[in-house]
Structure formats: structure tokens, C-alpha cells
Amino acid sequence: MIRTKRVYLPPDPEDGTRVLVDRLWPRGLKRSEARIDRWLKAVAPSPELRRWFGHDPAKWEEFQRRYHAELDANPEPVEELLALAREGTLTLLFAARDEARNNAVALKAYLEAHLG
């Protein structure tokens, strides 16, 4: 099972393995309080793609397409996440305010399509 969750929300025992999938550390969050199992920067969108998207809902579909192409070209961190998902619950943590359109949501869809 793969879940997504804002990194600012309290951890839950049902989160399983908690992986931060943003390239930048979340503002205002102390590392000692984060309760993150892994920070996998390599699976985050490129800085260029992140800036282009700018959390503009009108660019969401194209962002997903471009991000999935980046993931296709970078299989190692994807395989790491797929392995974690096969072991148990995996929660992809993100800092974005938009809980419906962010890189963790796009990554979850990508991973679920590649789970075998």
C-alpha cells in the first residue's frame, strides 16, 4: 500500500515506512521532529521541472507527464521505493500545500503502475 501525506502532519503507526520525496527540506520543520525514515531527494522532480510547474493547477497534467519521463530515466530510486512498497506500507511525504496536485501524488501513481 502506498500513501501520501504532508510531512507537517503527525506520524501515525499506519504510515509504515515514511520517505520524504522532496528535493528541498520542508520549511520550519526540525530534523529532530520530522520522524522520517528516509529522505530520497533523487526521486524528486528536477529543479527546472519544479520551477516550471510552480504548483499551477493548469499545468498538472503536463507536469505529471514530464515527471514520469524523469522517473523513467532515473530507475534506481524508483526501484528502492518499489522494494519498500512490496515490503509493507509506504508513505510518501511532501511539503506542498496542495494535497491533490504535488510530486508525491504523481509519484504514487507512477509507482502503482509499476508494482508487479
Protein backbone atom coordinates (compact mmCIF):
# COMPACT_ATOMS: atom_id res chain seq x y z
CA MET A 1 0.00 0.00 0.00
CA ILE A 2 1.30 3.43 -0.95
CA ARG A 3 0.04 6.55 0.79
CA THR A 4 0.81 10.26 0.52
CA LYS A 5 0.90 12.67 3.42
CA ARG A 6 2.02 16.19 4.24
CA VAL A 7 5.25 15.99 6.19
CA TYR A 8 3.87 18.51 8.70
CA LEU A 9 1.11 16.15 9.87
CA PRO A 10 1.82 13.97 12.91
CA PRO A 11 3.22 10.49 12.22
CA ASP A 12 0.81 7.58 12.51
CA PRO A 13 1.73 3.95 13.21
CA GLU A 14 -0.13 3.03 10.00
CA ASP A 15 2.28 5.17 7.93
CA GLY A 16 4.73 2.29 7.66
CA THR A 17 8.00 3.47 6.09
CA ARG A 18 7.99 7.26 5.84
CA VAL A 19 10.00 8.67 2.91
CA LEU A 20 10.40 12.37 2.16
CA VAL A 21 10.27 12.74 -1.63
CA ASP A 22 11.02 16.47 -1.92
CA ARG A 23 14.39 17.78 -3.08
CA LEU A 24 14.32 20.62 -0.53
CA TRP A 25 13.95 20.21 3.24
CA PRO A 26 10.49 21.41 4.40
CA ARG A 27 10.48 24.94 5.80
CA GLY A 28 10.09 25.26 9.54
CA LEU A 29 10.44 21.53 10.21
CA LYS A 30 13.18 20.50 12.61
CA ARG A 31 15.03 17.37 11.55
CA SER A 32 14.80 16.05 15.10
CA GLU A 33 10.98 16.23 14.95
CA ALA A 34 10.46 15.03 11.39
CA ARG A 35 10.21 11.26 12.08
CA ILE A 36 11.34 10.45 8.56
CA ASP A 37 12.81 7.03 7.76
CA ARG A 38 14.47 8.15 4.52
CA TRP A 39 14.94 11.32 2.53
CA LEU A 40 15.12 10.31 -1.12
CA LYS A 41 15.99 13.54 -2.96
CA ALA A 42 16.92 11.62 -6.12
CA VAL A 43 13.28 10.75 -6.80
CA ALA A 44 12.08 14.37 -6.63
CA PRO A 45 11.35 16.36 -9.79
CA SER A 46 14.31 18.24 -11.26
CA PRO A 47 14.68 21.84 -10.08
CA GLU A 48 13.79 23.00 -13.61
CA LEU A 49 10.57 20.98 -13.69
CA ARG A 50 9.63 22.07 -10.18
CA ARG A 51 10.10 25.75 -11.09
CA TRP A 52 8.19 25.32 -14.36
CA PHE A 53 5.23 23.69 -12.60
CA GLY A 54 5.06 26.23 -9.77
CA HIS A 55 2.03 24.36 -8.39
CA ASP A 56 -0.10 25.80 -11.18
CA PRO A 57 -3.20 23.54 -11.45
CA ALA A 58 -3.41 24.30 -15.19
CA LYS A 59 0.00 22.62 -15.66
CA TRP A 60 -0.81 19.50 -13.60
CA GLU A 61 -1.36 17.03 -16.45
CA GLU A 62 1.79 18.12 -18.29
CA PHE A 63 3.77 18.14 -15.03
CA GLN A 64 2.83 14.51 -14.43
CA ARG A 65 3.87 13.52 -17.95
CA ARG A 66 7.25 15.28 -17.65
CA TYR A 67 7.87 13.99 -14.14
CA HIS A 68 7.08 10.40 -15.14
CA ALA A 69 9.58 10.77 -18.01
CA GLU A 70 12.21 11.91 -15.49
CA LEU A 71 11.41 8.89 -13.32
CA ASP A 72 11.76 6.57 -16.34
CA ALA A 73 15.27 7.98 -16.83
CA ASN A 74 16.22 7.51 -13.16
CA PRO A 75 15.31 3.92 -12.23
CA GLU A 76 17.47 3.37 -9.12
CA PRO A 77 15.49 5.46 -6.60
CA VAL A 78 12.26 4.23 -8.18
CA GLU A 79 13.35 0.63 -7.59
CA GLU A 80 14.19 1.48 -3.98
CA LEU A 81 10.66 2.81 -3.44
CA LEU A 82 9.07 -0.16 -5.21
CA ALA A 83 11.02 -2.52 -2.93
CA LEU A 84 9.80 -0.65 0.14
CA ALA A 85 6.21 -0.76 -1.14
CA ARG A 86 6.47 -4.52 -1.63
CA GLU A 87 7.62 -4.93 1.99
CA GLY A 88 4.71 -3.06 3.55
CA THR A 89 3.01 0.30 3.75
CA LEU A 90 4.97 3.15 2.19
CA THR A 91 4.09 6.77 2.92
CA LEU A 92 5.44 9.39 0.54
CA LEU A 93 5.91 12.63 2.45
CA PHE A 94 5.70 16.07 0.82
CA ALA A 95 5.64 19.69 1.95
CA ALA A 96 3.36 21.23 -0.70
CA ARG A 97 0.12 22.85 0.45
CA ASP A 98 -1.88 21.36 -2.44
CA GLU A 99 -2.58 17.82 -1.28
CA ALA A 100 -4.15 16.76 -4.59
CA ARG A 101 -1.55 18.05 -7.10
CA ASN A 102 2.05 17.59 -5.99
CA ASN A 103 5.04 15.42 -6.81
CA ALA A 104 4.16 12.78 -4.18
CA VAL A 105 0.73 12.23 -5.74
CA ALA A 106 2.28 11.94 -9.22
CA LEU A 107 4.96 9.61 -7.84
CA LYS A 108 2.36 7.41 -6.13
CA ALA A 109 0.50 6.97 -9.44
CA TYR A 110 3.79 6.13 -11.18
CA LEU A 111 4.79 3.58 -8.55
CA GLU A 112 1.38 1.90 -8.50
CA ALA A 113 1.56 1.50 -12.28
CA HIS A 114 4.95 -0.21 -11.92
CA LEU A 115 4.20 -2.52 -8.98
CA GLY A 116 4.12 -6.09 -10.17
